[in-house]
Amino acid sequence: MRPVSVFANGPQGSIEQVRADLRGRWRQARRAMMVLLSVHGLSPAQIADLLECDASTVRRWIGRFNRHGSAGLADRPRPGRPRIGGPRLLARITALLERAGPWTVSRLWQYLGRPKLSPRTLYRRLRLVAIWRQPKLVARGDPDRWRAVAAISARLRRLQRGAVVWATDETHVHLLPHLRATWTLRPCRPEIVTPGKNRQVTVFGALEMTTGRWVYRLGRRCAADFIALLEQVRLAVPTAPAIVVICDNDSIHHAKAVTAYLAEHPTMELLFGARYSPHDNPVERIWAALKVFIANSAVSWPGRLRQIHAFFRARSPDQMLTAAAPWTSPWLPAGYKRNFWNAA
């Protein structure tokens, strides 16, 4: 019985491995293929196209075969000292770098057992498998994250028509300039003046998840300022039959004063997201845009506060919605735009 297909259709990684082997351990067989294809009448250009090499390479190996026979297809002895640090060294470097740590060339040299090679040689071998890059901090996550996310999504599905959903969060802005990478002229490195004494303000913000409506306030990290933000949210949609505010598990959100405020306003409901999962909250992406806006700028404290207000005043609800991208949050059920847009 004939096979279903006579064409190679394996995984892309397998095809790339075959190509690598033809240039590596099977390179002498590849040169023999050049000779056999030439015997069958193919030109060097056609052979080069088939074997993915240069036509001059094909002509060189056919010429060596014509002069020395099959022995001419073998590798010739290469002058010079043998390469220091082969595949085994690269494998040991890879095994070390798989563990996070303050790896430097000198530290790697010590952990490799002080091999007999210079720091420059070790650096060149290191560049073959690694690059110099700053680590990224990630939240450790909540083992019950998906249970909390499913509970929020189920509650949002049961909301009555006309209910609105808000996401809220807070961040800290400092007088000390926030630094980020930027294009600079080659001869110099920008210098940002630090303040004599650092100051901090907490920015509270709430985003309506369907229209991009945004309310915020500046204050301290305390329950009183969070209650003031909830009051701003309530006054922004005074006729809504239900207002759902999703927040994280910060201690100020569980304060007795917040519980008492919610008891006085039964139309408002507070839902708590999973612990250590800031990426679920779309407001976090607005904070990221704010930090980029004020980055690399040394100003006075009133100037820093004006920057915060200017950032929010300059952006329309559509721009805030685009920056926050709430549709990527796992909190919202599928098709939430269709379900909640008219209600909002």
C-alpha atoms as a PDB file:
ATOM      1  CA  MET A   1       0.000   0.000   0.000  1.00  0.00           C
ATOM      2  CA  ARG A   2       1.374   3.378  -0.971  1.00  0.00           C
ATOM      3  CA  PRO A   3       1.921   5.956   1.790  1.00  0.00           C
ATOM      4  CA  VAL A   4      -0.539   8.825   2.067  1.00  0.00           C
ATOM      5  CA  SER A   5       2.180  11.417   1.406  1.00  0.00           C
ATOM      6  CA  VAL A   6       5.639  11.173  -0.143  1.00  0.00           C
ATOM      7  CA  PHE A   7       6.661  14.711   0.855  1.00  0.00           C
ATOM      8  CA  ALA A   8       8.573  15.609   4.014  1.00  0.00           C
ATOM      9  CA  ASN A   9       6.191  17.381   6.381  1.00  0.00           C
ATOM     10  CA  GLY A  10       7.751  16.845   9.786  1.00  0.00           C
ATOM     11  CA  PRO A  11       8.003  19.477  12.559  1.00  0.00           C
ATOM     12  CA  GLN A  12       9.886  22.646  11.672  1.00  0.00           C
ATOM     13  CA  GLY A  13      12.463  21.912  14.353  1.00  0.00           C
ATOM     14  CA  SER A  14      13.271  18.556  12.769  1.00  0.00           C
ATOM     15  CA  ILE A  15      13.783  20.138   9.341  1.00  0.00           C
ATOM     16  CA  GLU A  16      16.125  22.739  10.837  1.00  0.00           C
ATOM     17  CA  GLN A  17      18.051  19.977  12.606  1.00  0.00           C
ATOM     18  CA  VAL A  18      18.565  18.163   9.289  1.00  0.00           C
ATOM     19  CA  ARG A  19      19.873  21.383   7.733  1.00  0.00           C
ATOM     20  CA  ALA A  20      22.252  21.861  10.664  1.00  0.00           C
ATOM     21  CA  ASP A  21      23.500  18.280  10.413  1.00  0.00           C
ATOM     22  CA  LEU A  22      24.221  18.717   6.709  1.00  0.00           C
ATOM     23  CA  ARG A  23      26.514  21.591   7.621  1.00  0.00           C
ATOM     24  CA  GLY A  24      27.902  19.761  10.671  1.00  0.00           C
ATOM     25  CA  ARG A  25      28.387  16.060  11.216  1.00  0.00           C
ATOM     26  CA  TRP A  26      27.030  15.116   7.749  1.00  0.00           C
ATOM     27  CA  ARG A  27      29.006  17.752   5.827  1.00  0.00           C
ATOM     28  CA  GLN A  28      31.108  15.144   3.984  1.00  0.00           C
ATOM     29  CA  ALA A  29      27.946  13.383   2.767  1.00  0.00           C
ATOM     30  CA  ARG A  30      26.694  16.758   1.563  1.00  0.00           C
ATOM     31  CA  ARG A  31      29.848  17.174  -0.522  1.00  0.00           C
ATOM     32  CA  ALA A  32      29.339  13.698  -1.998  1.00  0.00           C
ATOM     33  CA  MET A  33      25.788  14.727  -2.972  1.00  0.00           C
ATOM     34  CA  MET A  34      27.257  17.686  -4.864  1.00  0.00           C
ATOM     35  CA  VAL A  35      29.438  15.296  -6.874  1.00  0.00           C
ATOM     36  CA  LEU A  36      26.578  12.877  -7.630  1.00  0.00           C
ATOM     37  CA  LEU A  37      24.227  15.678  -8.698  1.00  0.00           C
ATOM     38  CA  SER A  38      26.972  17.031 -10.967  1.00  0.00           C
ATOM     39  CA  VAL A  39      27.355  13.569 -12.549  1.00  0.00           C
ATOM     40  CA  HIS A  40      23.625  13.683 -13.338  1.00  0.00           C
ATOM     41  CA  GLY A  41      24.112  16.898 -15.302  1.00  0.00           C
ATOM     42  CA  LEU A  42      23.058  19.593 -12.831  1.00  0.00           C
ATOM     43  CA  SER A  43      24.977  22.851 -12.942  1.00  0.00           C
ATOM     44  CA  PRO A  44      26.724  24.254  -9.837  1.00  0.00           C
ATOM     45  CA  ALA A  45      24.041  26.948  -9.572  1.00  0.00           C
ATOM     46  CA  GLN A  46      21.254  24.342  -9.583  1.00  0.00           C
ATOM     47  CA  ILE A  47      23.076  22.193  -7.010  1.00  0.00           C
ATOM     48  CA  ALA A  48      23.671  25.239  -4.817  1.00  0.00           C
ATOM     49  CA  ASP A  49      19.962  26.056  -4.969  1.00  0.00           C
ATOM     50  CA  LEU A  50      19.018  22.517  -3.924  1.00  0.00           C
ATOM     51  CA  LEU A  51      21.538  22.252  -1.076  1.00  0.00           C
ATOM     52  CA  GLU A  52      21.112  25.866   0.110  1.00  0.00           C
ATOM     53  CA  CYS A  53      24.709  26.949  -0.333  1.00  0.00           C
ATOM     54  CA  ASP A  54      26.775  29.144  -2.628  1.00  0.00           C
ATOM     55  CA  ALA A  55      27.657  28.058  -6.173  1.00  0.00           C
ATOM     56  CA  SER A  56      31.361  28.734  -5.493  1.00  0.00           C
ATOM     57  CA  THR A  57      31.227  26.172  -2.675  1.00  0.00           C
ATOM     58  CA  VAL A  58      29.865  23.559  -5.085  1.00  0.00           C
ATOM     59  CA  ARG A  59      32.574  24.314  -7.658  1.00  0.00           C
ATOM     60  CA  ARG A  60      35.310  24.093  -4.993  1.00  0.00           C
ATOM     61  CA  TRP A  61      34.288  20.615  -3.792  1.00  0.00           C
ATOM     62  CA  ILE A  62      33.744  19.266  -7.294  1.00  0.00           C
ATOM     63  CA  GLY A  63      37.229  20.548  -8.185  1.00  0.00           C
ATOM     64  CA  ARG A  64      38.760  18.810  -5.166  1.00  0.00           C
ATOM     65  CA  PHE A  65      36.980  15.569  -6.142  1.00  0.00           C
ATOM     66  CA  ASN A  66      38.336  15.803  -9.695  1.00  0.00           C
ATOM     67  CA  ARG A  67      41.900  16.265  -8.371  1.00  0.00           C
ATOM     68  CA  HIS A  68      41.973  13.900  -5.375  1.00  0.00           C
ATOM     69  CA  GLY A  69      38.969  11.610  -5.726  1.00  0.00           C
ATOM     70  CA  SER A  70      36.771  10.816  -2.707  1.00  0.00           C
ATOM     71  CA  ALA A  71      39.684  11.606  -0.360  1.00  0.00           C
ATOM     72  CA  GLY A  72      39.417  15.239  -1.447  1.00  0.00           C
ATOM     73  CA  LEU A  73      35.966  15.488   0.165  1.00  0.00           C
ATOM     74  CA  ALA A  74      37.361  15.015   3.680  1.00  0.00           C
ATOM     75  CA  ASP A  75      38.247  17.920   5.947  1.00  0.00           C
ATOM     76  CA  ARG A  76      41.817  19.085   5.641  1.00  0.00           C
ATOM     77  CA  PRO A  77      43.950  19.548   8.762  1.00  0.00           C
ATOM     78  CA  ARG A  78      43.486  23.027  10.158  1.00  0.00           C
ATOM     79  CA  PRO A  79      46.472  24.963  11.524  1.00  0.00           C
ATOM     80  CA  GLY A  80      46.482  26.622  14.916  1.00  0.00           C
ATOM     81  CA  ARG A  81      45.661  25.624  18.442  1.00  0.00           C
ATOM     82  CA  PRO A  82      42.439  23.676  19.110  1.00  0.00           C
ATOM     83  CA  ARG A  83      39.414  25.615  20.267  1.00  0.00           C
ATOM     84  CA  ILE A  84      39.294  26.130  24.047  1.00  0.00           C
ATOM     85  CA  GLY A  85      35.939  25.393  25.595  1.00  0.00           C
ATOM     86  CA  GLY A  86      33.801  23.129  23.465  1.00  0.00           C
ATOM     87  CA  PRO A  87      30.199  21.892  23.721  1.00  0.00           C
ATOM     88  CA  ARG A  88      30.788  20.477  27.200  1.00  0.00           C
ATOM     89  CA  LEU A  89      31.750  23.923  28.546  1.00  0.00           C
ATOM     90  CA  LEU A  90      28.694  25.498  26.907  1.00  0.00           C
ATOM     91  CA  ALA A  91      26.482  22.836  28.479  1.00  0.00           C
ATOM     92  CA  ARG A  92      27.927  23.572  31.921  1.00  0.00           C
ATOM     93  CA  ILE A  93      27.410  27.324  31.443  1.00  0.00           C
ATOM     94  CA  THR A  94      23.809  26.705  30.356  1.00  0.00           C
ATOM     95  CA  ALA A  95      23.155  24.544  33.419  1.00  0.00           C
ATOM     96  CA  LEU A  96      24.446  27.291  35.727  1.00  0.00           C
ATOM     97  CA  LEU A  97      22.493  30.102  34.058  1.00  0.00           C
ATOM     98  CA  GLU A  98      19.239  28.150  34.313  1.00  0.00           C
ATOM     99  CA  ARG A  99      19.308  29.133  37.978  1.00  0.00           C
ATOM    100  CA  ALA A 100      18.682  32.822  38.682  1.00  0.00           C
ATOM    101  CA  GLY A 101      21.570  34.597  40.342  1.00  0.00           C
ATOM    102  CA  PRO A 102      24.025  37.508  40.081  1.00  0.00           C
ATOM    103  CA  TRP A 103      26.029  35.819  37.350  1.00  0.00           C
ATOM    104  CA  THR A 104      29.141  37.621  36.129  1.00  0.00           C
ATOM    105  CA  VAL A 105      32.109  36.349  34.117  1.00  0.00           C
ATOM    106  CA  SER A 106      34.295  36.050  37.216  1.00  0.00           C
ATOM    107  CA  ARG A 107      31.539  34.325  39.200  1.00  0.00           C
ATOM    108  CA  LEU A 108      30.904  31.841  36.396  1.00  0.00           C
ATOM    109  CA  TRP A 109      34.665  31.176  36.161  1.00  0.00           C
ATOM    110  CA  GLN A 110      34.722  30.242  39.849  1.00  0.00           C
ATOM    111  CA  TYR A 111      31.632  28.000  39.644  1.00  0.00           C
ATOM    112  CA  LEU A 112      33.065  26.261  36.557  1.00  0.00           C
ATOM    113  CA  GLY A 113      36.024  25.159  38.641  1.00  0.00           C
ATOM    114  CA  ARG A 114      38.458  27.882  37.505  1.00  0.00           C
ATOM    115  CA  PRO A 115      39.083  26.473  33.996  1.00  0.00           C
ATOM    116  CA  LYS A 116      42.329  27.338  32.230  1.00  0.00           C
ATOM    117  CA  LEU A 117      41.025  30.032  29.901  1.00  0.00           C
ATOM    118  CA  SER A 118      41.138  33.812  30.013  1.00  0.00           C
ATOM    119  CA  PRO A 119      38.151  35.977  31.050  1.00  0.00           C
ATOM    120  CA  ARG A 120      37.925  37.242  27.460  1.00  0.00           C
ATOM    121  CA  THR A 121      37.682  33.685  26.100  1.00  0.00           C
ATOM    122  CA  LEU A 122      35.062  32.776  28.696  1.00  0.00           C
ATOM    123  CA  TYR A 123      33.141  35.920  27.736  1.00  0.00           C
ATOM    124  CA  ARG A 124      33.140  34.886  24.073  1.00  0.00           C
ATOM    125  CA  ARG A 125      31.880  31.398  24.956  1.00  0.00           C
ATOM    126  CA  LEU A 126      29.270  32.928  27.261  1.00  0.00           C
ATOM    127  CA  ARG A 127      27.921  35.134  24.458  1.00  0.00           C
ATOM    128  CA  LEU A 128      27.105  32.014  22.446  1.00  0.00           C
ATOM    129  CA  VAL A 129      24.374  30.945  24.893  1.00  0.00           C
ATOM    130  CA  ALA A 130      23.492  34.049  26.916  1.00  0.00           C
ATOM    131  CA  ILE A 131      22.982  37.818  26.790  1.00  0.00           C
ATOM    132  CA  TRP A 132      23.312  40.540  29.437  1.00  0.00           C
ATOM    133  CA  ARG A 133      19.753  41.305  30.558  1.00  0.00           C
ATOM    134  CA  GLN A 134      18.061  42.654  33.670  1.00  0.00           C
ATOM    135  CA  PRO A 135      15.760  40.153  35.436  1.00  0.00           C
ATOM    136  CA  LYS A 136      12.042  40.837  35.588  1.00  0.00           C
ATOM    137  CA  LEU A 137      10.037  40.792  38.799  1.00  0.00           C
ATOM    138  CA  VAL A 138       6.859  38.709  38.599  1.00  0.00           C
ATOM    139  CA  ALA A 139       4.122  38.203  41.146  1.00  0.00           C
ATOM    140  CA  ARG A 140       4.323  34.870  42.897  1.00  0.00           C
ATOM    141  CA  GLY A 141       0.659  34.162  42.149  1.00  0.00           C
ATOM    142  CA  ASP A 142      -2.245  32.767  44.112  1.00  0.00           C
ATOM    143  CA  PRO A 143      -2.836  28.979  44.048  1.00  0.00           C
ATOM    144  CA  ASP A 144      -6.590  29.705  44.142  1.00  0.00           C
ATOM    145  CA  ARG A 145      -6.398  32.386  41.446  1.00  0.00           C
ATOM    146  CA  TRP A 146      -8.747  30.772  38.978  1.00  0.00           C
ATOM    147  CA  ARG A 147     -11.283  30.098  41.724  1.00  0.00           C
ATOM    148  CA  ALA A 148     -11.349  33.807  42.594  1.00  0.00           C
ATOM    149  CA  VAL A 149     -11.498  34.780  38.919  1.00  0.00           C
ATOM    150  CA  ALA A 150     -14.376  32.351  38.265  1.00  0.00           C
ATOM    151  CA  ALA A 151     -16.307  33.744  41.241  1.00  0.00           C
ATOM    152  CA  ILE A 152     -15.993  37.319  39.921  1.00  0.00           C
ATOM    153  CA  SER A 153     -16.999  36.279  36.403  1.00  0.00           C
ATOM    154  CA  ALA A 154     -20.020  34.366  37.713  1.00  0.00           C
ATOM    155  CA  ARG A 155     -21.120  37.366  39.802  1.00  0.00           C
ATOM    156  CA  LEU A 156     -20.867  39.694  36.807  1.00  0.00           C
ATOM    157  CA  ARG A 157     -23.059  37.360  34.733  1.00  0.00           C
ATOM    158  CA  ARG A 158     -25.816  37.657  37.335  1.00  0.00           C
ATOM    159  CA  LEU A 159     -25.847  41.458  37.357  1.00  0.00           C
ATOM    160  CA  GLN A 160     -29.130  43.127  36.514  1.00  0.00           C
ATOM    161  CA  ARG A 161     -29.491  45.352  33.467  1.00  0.00           C
ATOM    162  CA  GLY A 162     -28.118  48.823  34.017  1.00  0.00           C
ATOM    163  CA  ALA A 163     -25.407  47.742  36.465  1.00  0.00           C
ATOM    164  CA  VAL A 164     -21.910  49.155  35.975  1.00  0.00           C
ATOM    165  CA  VAL A 165     -18.560  47.513  36.657  1.00  0.00           C
ATOM    166  CA  TRP A 166     -15.505  49.444  37.846  1.00  0.00           C
ATOM    167  CA  ALA A 167     -11.911  48.344  38.391  1.00  0.00           C
ATOM    168  CA  THR A 168      -9.938  50.223  41.008  1.00  0.00           C
ATOM    169  CA  ASP A 169      -6.351  50.304  42.227  1.00  0.00           C
ATOM    170  CA  GLU A 170      -3.790  52.625  43.757  1.00  0.00           C
ATOM    171  CA  THR A 171      -0.146  53.419  43.076  1.00  0.00           C
ATOM    172  CA  HIS A 172       2.577  55.579  44.595  1.00  0.00           C
ATOM    173  CA  VAL A 173       4.270  58.427  42.753  1.00  0.00           C
ATOM    174  CA  HIS A 174       7.544  59.788  44.125  1.00  0.00           C
ATOM    175  CA  LEU A 175       9.371  63.055  43.738  1.00  0.00           C
ATOM    176  CA  LEU A 176      12.475  60.958  43.030  1.00  0.00           C
ATOM    177  CA  PRO A 177      12.427  60.653  39.215  1.00  0.00           C
ATOM    178  CA  HIS A 178      11.228  57.373  37.731  1.00  0.00           C
ATOM    179  CA  LEU A 179      13.907  56.224  35.260  1.00  0.00           C
ATOM    180  CA  ARG A 180      13.409  54.227  32.092  1.00  0.00           C
ATOM    181  CA  ALA A 181      15.517  53.383  29.043  1.00  0.00           C
ATOM    182  CA  THR A 182      15.510  55.994  26.280  1.00  0.00           C
ATOM    183  CA  TRP A 183      17.487  56.900  23.159  1.00  0.00           C
ATOM    184  CA  THR A 184      20.546  58.980  24.038  1.00  0.00           C
ATOM    185  CA  LEU A 185      23.523  60.375  22.192  1.00  0.00           C
ATOM    186  CA  ARG A 186      26.470  57.976  22.133  1.00  0.00           C
ATOM    187  CA  PRO A 187      29.167  60.121  23.784  1.00  0.00           C
ATOM    188  CA  CYS A 188      27.170  60.903  26.915  1.00  0.00           C
ATOM    189  CA  ARG A 189      24.725  59.442  29.418  1.00  0.00           C
ATOM    190  CA  PRO A 190      21.818  61.616  30.637  1.00  0.00           C
ATOM    191  CA  GLU A 191      21.941  62.721  34.248  1.00  0.00           C
ATOM    192  CA  ILE A 192      18.721  63.335  36.200  1.00  0.00           C
ATOM    193  CA  VAL A 193      19.066  65.430  39.359  1.00  0.00           C
ATOM    194  CA  THR A 194      17.739  63.760  42.495  1.00  0.00           C
ATOM    195  CA  PRO A 195      15.745  65.762  45.049  1.00  0.00           C
ATOM    196  CA  GLY A 196      17.245  66.595  48.397  1.00  0.00           C
ATOM    197  CA  LYS A 197      14.389  64.800  50.161  1.00  0.00           C
ATOM    198  CA  ASN A 198      11.995  62.360  48.557  1.00  0.00           C
ATOM    199  CA  ARG A 199       8.206  62.726  48.807  1.00  0.00           C
ATOM    200  CA  GLN A 200       5.347  60.414  47.924  1.00  0.00           C
ATOM    201  CA  VAL A 201       1.682  60.654  47.024  1.00  0.00           C
ATOM    202  CA  THR A 202      -0.793  57.810  46.572  1.00  0.00           C
ATOM    203  CA  VAL A 203      -2.922  57.973  43.435  1.00  0.00           C
ATOM    204  CA  PHE A 204      -6.308  56.226  43.655  1.00  0.00           C
ATOM    205  CA  GLY A 205      -8.062  55.477  40.360  1.00  0.00           C
ATOM    206  CA  ALA A 206     -11.168  53.712  39.116  1.00  0.00           C
ATOM    207  CA  LEU A 207     -12.007  52.734  35.530  1.00  0.00           C
ATOM    208  CA  GLU A 208     -15.500  51.954  34.229  1.00  0.00           C
ATOM    209  CA  MET A 209     -14.887  48.779  32.270  1.00  0.00           C
ATOM    210  CA  THR A 210     -17.080  49.440  29.231  1.00  0.00           C
ATOM    211  CA  THR A 211     -16.977  53.188  28.542  1.00  0.00           C
ATOM    212  CA  GLY A 212     -13.514  54.076  29.834  1.00  0.00           C
ATOM    213  CA  ARG A 213     -14.857  56.633  32.309  1.00  0.00           C
ATOM    214  CA  TRP A 214     -12.103  57.460  34.788  1.00  0.00           C
ATOM    215  CA  VAL A 215     -12.157  58.981  38.288  1.00  0.00           C
ATOM    216  CA  TYR A 216      -9.128  59.489  40.501  1.00  0.00           C
ATOM    217  CA  ARG A 217      -7.855  61.311  43.554  1.00  0.00           C
ATOM    218  CA  LEU A 218      -4.539  62.021  45.240  1.00  0.00           C
ATOM    219  CA  GLY A 219      -4.080  61.256  48.907  1.00  0.00           C
ATOM    220  CA  ARG A 220      -2.543  58.877  51.399  1.00  0.00           C
ATOM    221  CA  ARG A 221      -2.716  55.100  51.512  1.00  0.00           C
ATOM    222  CA  CYS A 222      -5.565  54.856  54.004  1.00  0.00           C
ATOM    223  CA  ALA A 223      -9.180  53.687  54.211  1.00  0.00           C
ATOM    224  CA  ALA A 224     -10.501  57.271  54.300  1.00  0.00           C
ATOM    225  CA  ASP A 225      -9.104  58.109  50.860  1.00  0.00           C
ATOM    226  CA  PHE A 226     -10.341  54.806  49.449  1.00  0.00           C
ATOM    227  CA  ILE A 227     -13.839  55.596  50.753  1.00  0.00           C
ATOM    228  CA  ALA A 228     -13.584  59.026  49.113  1.00  0.00           C
ATOM    229  CA  LEU A 229     -12.803  57.282  45.800  1.00  0.00           C
ATOM    230  CA  LEU A 230     -15.818  54.990  46.233  1.00  0.00           C
ATOM    231  CA  GLU A 231     -17.961  58.072  46.809  1.00  0.00           C
ATOM    232  CA  GLN A 232     -16.638  59.575  43.549  1.00  0.00           C
ATOM    233  CA  VAL A 233     -17.569  56.352  41.758  1.00  0.00           C
ATOM    234  CA  ARG A 234     -21.075  56.390  43.268  1.00  0.00           C
ATOM    235  CA  LEU A 235     -21.674  60.017  42.306  1.00  0.00           C
ATOM    236  CA  ALA A 236     -20.411  59.359  38.750  1.00  0.00           C
ATOM    237  CA  VAL A 237     -23.322  56.930  38.153  1.00  0.00           C
ATOM    238  CA  PRO A 238     -25.983  57.967  40.690  1.00  0.00           C
ATOM    239  CA  THR A 239     -28.872  56.265  38.859  1.00  0.00           C
ATOM    240  CA  ALA A 240     -27.236  52.863  38.411  1.00  0.00           C
ATOM    241  CA  PRO A 241     -29.198  50.094  40.161  1.00  0.00           C
ATOM    242  CA  ALA A 242     -25.955  48.305  41.060  1.00  0.00           C
ATOM    243  CA  ILE A 243     -22.301  49.384  41.145  1.00  0.00           C
ATOM    244  CA  VAL A 244     -19.663  46.648  41.286  1.00  0.00           C
ATOM    245  CA  VAL A 245     -16.119  47.688  42.188  1.00  0.00           C
ATOM    246  CA  ILE A 246     -13.321  45.131  41.709  1.00  0.00           C
ATOM    247  CA  CYS A 247     -10.142  45.686  43.697  1.00  0.00           C
ATOM    248  CA  ASP A 248      -7.183  43.767  45.118  1.00  0.00           C
ATOM    249  CA  ASN A 249      -6.752  42.403  48.631  1.00  0.00           C
ATOM    250  CA  ASP A 250      -4.999  45.394  50.167  1.00  0.00           C
ATOM    251  CA  SER A 251      -5.681  45.782  53.876  1.00  0.00           C
ATOM    252  CA  ILE A 252      -7.313  49.204  53.423  1.00  0.00           C
ATOM    253  CA  HIS A 253     -10.011  47.573  51.270  1.00  0.00           C
ATOM    254  CA  HIS A 254     -10.969  45.324  54.201  1.00  0.00           C
ATOM    255  CA  ALA A 255     -11.053  48.110  56.790  1.00  0.00           C
ATOM    256  CA  LYS A 256     -14.061  48.435  59.122  1.00  0.00           C
ATOM    257  CA  ALA A 257     -14.734  51.936  57.803  1.00  0.00           C
ATOM    258  CA  VAL A 258     -15.037  50.569  54.255  1.00  0.00           C
ATOM    259  CA  THR A 259     -17.417  47.829  55.435  1.00  0.00           C
ATOM    260  CA  ALA A 260     -19.551  50.444  57.208  1.00  0.00           C
ATOM    261  CA  TYR A 261     -19.638  52.623  54.072  1.00  0.00           C
ATOM    262  CA  LEU A 262     -20.821  49.701  51.931  1.00  0.00           C
ATOM    263  CA  ALA A 263     -23.541  48.921  54.483  1.00  0.00           C
ATOM    264  CA  GLU A 264     -24.836  52.505  54.143  1.00  0.00           C
ATOM    265  CA  HIS A 265     -24.896  52.239  50.332  1.00  0.00           C
ATOM    266  CA  PRO A 266     -26.426  48.863  49.405  1.00  0.00           C
ATOM    267  CA  THR A 267     -26.190  49.554  45.663  1.00  0.00           C
ATOM    268  CA  MET A 268     -22.402  49.323  45.873  1.00  0.00           C
ATOM    269  CA  GLU A 269     -20.616  45.976  46.015  1.00  0.00           C
ATOM    270  CA  LEU A 270     -16.912  45.261  46.443  1.00  0.00           C
ATOM    271  CA  LEU A 271     -15.332  42.201  44.789  1.00  0.00           C
ATOM    272  CA  PHE A 272     -11.801  41.073  45.569  1.00  0.00           C
ATOM    273  CA  GLY A 273      -9.484  39.650  42.924  1.00  0.00           C
ATOM    274  CA  ALA A 274      -6.917  36.919  43.422  1.00  0.00           C
ATOM    275  CA  ARG A 275      -3.924  37.636  45.630  1.00  0.00           C
ATOM    276  CA  TYR A 276      -0.580  38.495  44.057  1.00  0.00           C
ATOM    277  CA  SER A 277      -2.183  38.799  40.601  1.00  0.00           C
ATOM    278  CA  PRO A 278      -1.776  42.470  39.587  1.00  0.00           C
ATOM    279  CA  HIS A 279      -1.773  41.538  35.891  1.00  0.00           C
ATOM    280  CA  ASP A 280      -5.517  40.764  36.189  1.00  0.00           C
ATOM    281  CA  ASN A 281      -6.309  44.414  36.962  1.00  0.00           C
ATOM    282  CA  PRO A 282      -6.573  46.687  33.876  1.00  0.00           C
ATOM    283  CA  VAL A 283      -5.842  49.772  36.001  1.00  0.00           C
ATOM    284  CA  GLU A 284      -2.265  48.516  36.393  1.00  0.00           C
ATOM    285  CA  ARG A 285      -1.699  49.261  32.701  1.00  0.00           C
ATOM    286  CA  ILE A 286      -2.837  52.851  33.258  1.00  0.00           C
ATOM    287  CA  TRP A 287      -0.279  53.187  36.049  1.00  0.00           C
ATOM    288  CA  ALA A 288       2.386  51.900  33.678  1.00  0.00           C
ATOM    289  CA  ALA A 289       1.476  54.592  31.132  1.00  0.00           C
ATOM    290  CA  LEU A 290       1.554  57.233  33.893  1.00  0.00           C
ATOM    291  CA  LYS A 291       5.044  56.179  35.003  1.00  0.00           C
ATOM    292  CA  VAL A 292       6.277  56.408  31.406  1.00  0.00           C
ATOM    293  CA  PHE A 293       4.740  59.902  31.101  1.00  0.00           C
ATOM    294  CA  ILE A 294       6.608  61.259  34.139  1.00  0.00           C
ATOM    295  CA  ALA A 295       9.826  59.273  33.616  1.00  0.00           C
ATOM    296  CA  ASN A 296      13.254  60.938  33.434  1.00  0.00           C
ATOM    297  CA  SER A 297      11.924  64.313  34.618  1.00  0.00           C
ATOM    298  CA  ALA A 298      13.333  66.189  37.621  1.00  0.00           C
ATOM    299  CA  VAL A 299      10.703  68.687  38.818  1.00  0.00           C
ATOM    300  CA  SER A 300       9.547  70.268  42.042  1.00  0.00           C
ATOM    301  CA  TRP A 301       6.850  68.624  44.144  1.00  0.00           C
ATOM    302  CA  PRO A 302       4.064  70.902  42.813  1.00  0.00           C
ATOM    303  CA  GLY A 303       5.386  70.164  39.327  1.00  0.00           C
ATOM    304  CA  ARG A 304       5.125  66.411  39.957  1.00  0.00           C
ATOM    305  CA  LEU A 305       1.493  66.791  41.050  1.00  0.00           C
ATOM    306  CA  ARG A 306       0.758  68.894  37.954  1.00  0.00           C
ATOM    307  CA  GLN A 307       2.241  66.135  35.786  1.00  0.00           C
ATOM    308  CA  ILE A 308      -0.184  63.612  37.276  1.00  0.00           C
ATOM    309  CA  HIS A 309      -3.194  65.848  36.674  1.00  0.00           C
ATOM    310  CA  ALA A 310      -1.999  66.721  33.164  1.00  0.00           C
ATOM    311  CA  PHE A 311      -1.685  63.024  32.265  1.00  0.00           C
ATOM    312  CA  PHE A 312      -5.313  62.280  33.155  1.00  0.00           C
ATOM    313  CA  ARG A 313      -6.737  65.522  31.722  1.00  0.00           C
ATOM    314  CA  ALA A 314      -5.085  64.925  28.342  1.00  0.00           C
ATOM    315  CA  ARG A 315      -6.687  61.508  27.813  1.00  0.00           C
ATOM    316  CA  SER A 316     -10.214  60.815  26.628  1.00  0.00           C
ATOM    317  CA  PRO A 317     -12.277  57.839  27.858  1.00  0.00           C
ATOM    318  CA  ASP A 318     -11.500  56.000  24.616  1.00  0.00           C
ATOM    319  CA  GLN A 319      -7.763  56.481  25.173  1.00  0.00           C
ATOM    320  CA  MET A 320      -8.044  55.265  28.763  1.00  0.00           C
ATOM    321  CA  LEU A 321      -9.996  52.241  27.589  1.00  0.00           C
ATOM    322  CA  THR A 322      -7.374  51.458  24.950  1.00  0.00           C
ATOM    323  CA  ALA A 323      -4.524  51.795  27.447  1.00  0.00           C
ATOM    324  CA  ALA A 324      -6.224  49.621  30.074  1.00  0.00           C
ATOM    325  CA  ALA A 325      -7.471  46.955  27.606  1.00  0.00           C
ATOM    326  CA  PRO A 326     -10.039  45.535  30.089  1.00  0.00           C
ATOM    327  CA  TRP A 327     -11.146  42.874  27.592  1.00  0.00           C
ATOM    328  CA  THR A 328      -7.876  41.074  28.335  1.00  0.00           C
ATOM    329  CA  SER A 329      -8.757  40.741  32.017  1.00  0.00           C
ATOM    330  CA  PRO A 330      -9.981  37.274  33.078  1.00  0.00           C
ATOM    331  CA  TRP A 331     -12.515  38.902  35.394  1.00  0.00           C
ATOM    332  CA  LEU A 332     -14.953  39.752  32.635  1.00  0.00           C
ATOM    333  CA  PRO A 333     -17.142  37.019  31.130  1.00  0.00           C
ATOM    334  CA  ALA A 334     -17.048  36.352  27.402  1.00  0.00           C
ATOM    335  CA  GLY A 335     -19.022  38.934  25.427  1.00  0.00           C
ATOM    336  CA  TYR A 336     -19.130  41.447  28.280  1.00  0.00           C
ATOM    337  CA  LYS A 337     -19.220  44.354  25.812  1.00  0.00           C
ATOM    338  CA  ARG A 338     -22.442  43.065  24.380  1.00  0.00           C
ATOM    339  CA  ASN A 339     -23.887  42.356  27.822  1.00  0.00           C
ATOM    340  CA  PHE A 340     -22.909  45.554  29.598  1.00  0.00           C
ATOM    341  CA  TRP A 341     -22.430  48.246  26.968  1.00  0.00           C
ATOM    342  CA  ASN A 342     -26.071  49.314  26.770  1.00  0.00           C
ATOM    343  CA  ALA A 343     -26.358  49.139  30.533  1.00  0.00           C
ATOM    344  CA  ALA A 344     -23.474  51.539  30.955  1.00  0.00           C
END
